[in-house]
Amino acid sequence: MSKQSPKLLHASGKRKRAIARAILMPSETHSVRINGVALAHYGNLLTRARVSEPILIAGPVAQRYSIRVAAVGGGSMSQADAARLAIGRALASIDGKTRQALLEYDRQLIVADVRRKESAKPNHHGQARAAVQKSYR
């Protein structure tokens, strides 16, 4: 009895204020779209490179799926990192070999970065930690 791949794979990723949801669909024509835009035309060169990392590492496993990502909130780089995490998690759920390859390359492809921006403190003019200026003369 052969093991069949699931129809759809869902995964999500977060980075700062950005949230991305990825859907992998089995398809002969491999395509990657982020917010309705093809990966070749998405963002700048750096954001395209970040998003394509898990796809390149997974190799032939990723070529069997069409990937759709919806990213909201945050900035462009945070959305790219959230999309990268969502795609990495979805590909890691396919098999253990792909998961191990992703972990060895970069742990951030499967485990979220939980750091957030520190909130501003009162009487500090927008800064979270900078000391208030003092004058003794």
Protein backbone atom coordinates (compact mmCIF):
# COMPACT_ATOMS: atom_id res chain seq x y z
CA MET A 1 0.00 0.00 0.00
CA SER A 2 1.56 3.29 -1.11
CA LYS A 3 1.55 6.38 1.06
CA GLN A 4 -0.40 9.23 -0.57
CA SER A 5 0.46 12.87 -0.01
CA PRO A 6 -2.31 15.02 1.48
CA LYS A 7 -4.44 17.18 -0.83
CA LEU A 8 -3.52 20.50 0.80
CA LEU A 9 -0.89 21.48 3.34
CA HIS A 10 -1.53 24.52 5.54
CA ALA A 11 1.04 26.32 7.69
CA SER A 12 1.46 29.75 9.23
CA GLY A 13 4.39 31.88 10.30
CA LYS A 14 4.86 35.07 12.30
CA ARG A 15 7.61 37.67 12.45
CA LYS A 16 7.14 40.80 14.56
CA ARG A 17 3.71 42.11 13.50
CA ALA A 18 3.55 40.17 10.21
CA ILE A 19 1.53 36.98 9.83
CA ALA A 20 1.70 34.70 6.79
CA ARG A 21 -0.45 31.72 5.87
CA ALA A 22 0.86 29.27 3.29
CA ILE A 23 -1.10 26.70 1.31
CA LEU A 24 0.71 23.98 -0.66
CA MET A 25 -1.33 22.28 -3.38
CA PRO A 26 -0.08 19.25 -5.36
CA SER A 27 0.51 20.44 -8.92
CA GLU A 28 2.56 19.56 -11.99
CA THR A 29 3.20 23.23 -12.68
CA HIS A 30 5.21 24.51 -9.73
CA SER A 31 4.40 28.15 -8.96
CA VAL A 32 4.91 30.40 -5.94
CA ARG A 33 2.63 33.39 -5.35
CA ILE A 34 2.79 35.78 -2.40
CA ASN A 35 -0.21 38.07 -1.96
CA GLY A 36 -1.20 37.25 -5.53
CA VAL A 37 2.20 38.24 -6.97
CA ALA A 38 4.55 35.70 -8.56
CA LEU A 39 7.76 35.16 -6.59
CA ALA A 40 9.82 36.44 -9.56
CA HIS A 41 8.13 39.87 -9.21
CA TYR A 42 7.69 40.01 -5.41
CA GLY A 43 9.46 42.75 -3.43
CA ASN A 44 13.15 43.36 -3.95
CA LEU A 45 16.03 40.95 -4.53
CA LEU A 46 16.64 40.36 -0.82
CA THR A 47 13.00 39.53 0.00
CA ARG A 48 12.81 37.16 -3.00
CA ALA A 49 15.99 35.42 -1.85
CA ARG A 50 14.68 35.04 1.73
CA VAL A 51 11.35 33.58 0.59
CA SER A 52 12.94 31.18 -1.91
CA GLU A 53 15.42 29.62 0.60
CA PRO A 54 13.13 26.85 1.93
CA ILE A 55 12.00 26.03 -1.63
CA LEU A 56 15.59 25.66 -2.83
CA ILE A 57 16.60 23.53 0.16
CA ALA A 58 13.60 21.21 -0.19
CA GLY A 59 14.51 20.75 -3.87
CA PRO A 60 12.43 18.17 -5.75
CA VAL A 61 9.97 17.84 -2.86
CA ALA A 62 8.92 21.48 -3.28
CA GLN A 63 8.67 21.12 -7.07
CA ARG A 64 5.62 18.86 -6.65
CA TYR A 65 3.56 21.68 -5.10
CA SER A 66 2.16 25.07 -6.04
CA ILE A 67 2.55 27.49 -3.14
CA ARG A 68 0.18 30.32 -2.24
CA VAL A 69 1.05 32.68 0.61
CA ALA A 70 -1.08 35.44 2.14
CA ALA A 71 0.93 37.84 4.31
CA VAL A 72 -0.55 40.71 6.33
CA GLY A 73 0.79 43.29 8.79
CA GLY A 74 4.30 44.44 9.56
CA GLY A 75 6.83 45.67 7.04
CA SER A 76 8.00 44.15 3.78
CA MET A 77 10.96 42.30 5.34
CA SER A 78 8.86 40.98 8.23
CA GLN A 79 6.26 39.72 5.75
CA ALA A 80 9.01 38.01 3.75
CA ASP A 81 10.37 36.33 6.90
CA ALA A 82 6.87 35.26 7.95
CA ALA A 83 6.26 33.81 4.47
CA ARG A 84 9.63 32.04 4.63
CA LEU A 85 8.67 30.48 7.97
CA ALA A 86 5.21 29.42 6.74
CA ILE A 87 6.63 27.80 3.59
CA GLY A 88 9.38 26.10 5.61
CA ARG A 89 6.88 24.68 8.11
CA ALA A 90 4.60 23.41 5.35
CA LEU A 91 7.50 21.71 3.53
CA ALA A 92 8.81 20.26 6.81
CA SER A 93 5.46 18.56 7.41
CA ILE A 94 5.87 16.52 4.21
CA ASP A 95 8.67 14.26 5.45
CA GLY A 96 11.38 14.05 8.10
CA LYS A 97 14.24 14.25 5.60
CA THR A 98 13.11 17.68 4.35
CA ARG A 99 12.56 18.84 7.92
CA GLN A 100 16.09 17.82 8.90
CA ALA A 101 17.58 19.58 5.85
CA LEU A 102 15.71 22.79 6.71
CA LEU A 103 16.81 22.62 10.36
CA GLU A 104 20.44 22.07 9.43
CA TYR A 105 20.41 25.07 7.10
CA ASP A 106 18.64 27.54 9.39
CA ARG A 107 16.52 26.89 12.47
CA GLN A 108 14.46 30.02 11.66
CA LEU A 109 12.86 28.10 8.76
CA ILE A 110 10.81 26.03 11.22
CA VAL A 111 11.02 27.77 14.62
CA ALA A 112 9.59 31.29 14.90
CA ASP A 113 11.63 34.25 16.12
CA VAL A 114 9.62 35.42 19.15
CA ARG A 115 11.31 38.82 19.55
CA ARG A 116 9.00 41.81 19.34
CA LYS A 117 9.55 45.57 19.37
CA GLU A 118 9.79 46.94 22.89
CA SER A 119 7.05 49.42 23.71
CA ALA A 120 7.89 53.08 24.23
CA LYS A 121 8.15 54.32 27.82
CA PRO A 122 6.53 57.48 29.16
CA ASN A 123 8.60 60.71 29.15
CA HIS A 124 11.24 59.23 26.88
CA HIS A 125 10.06 60.86 23.63
CA GLY A 126 9.32 57.63 21.75
CA GLN A 127 12.40 55.65 22.69
CA ALA A 128 12.01 52.40 24.57
CA ARG A 129 15.21 52.59 26.60
CA ALA A 130 17.21 55.76 25.93
CA ALA A 131 18.01 57.73 29.07
CA VAL A 132 16.46 61.13 29.64
CA GLN A 133 18.94 63.96 29.14
CA LYS A 134 20.08 65.67 32.34
CA SER A 135 21.80 68.97 32.86
CA TYR A 136 23.37 70.00 36.19
CA ARG A 137 24.44 73.53 35.23
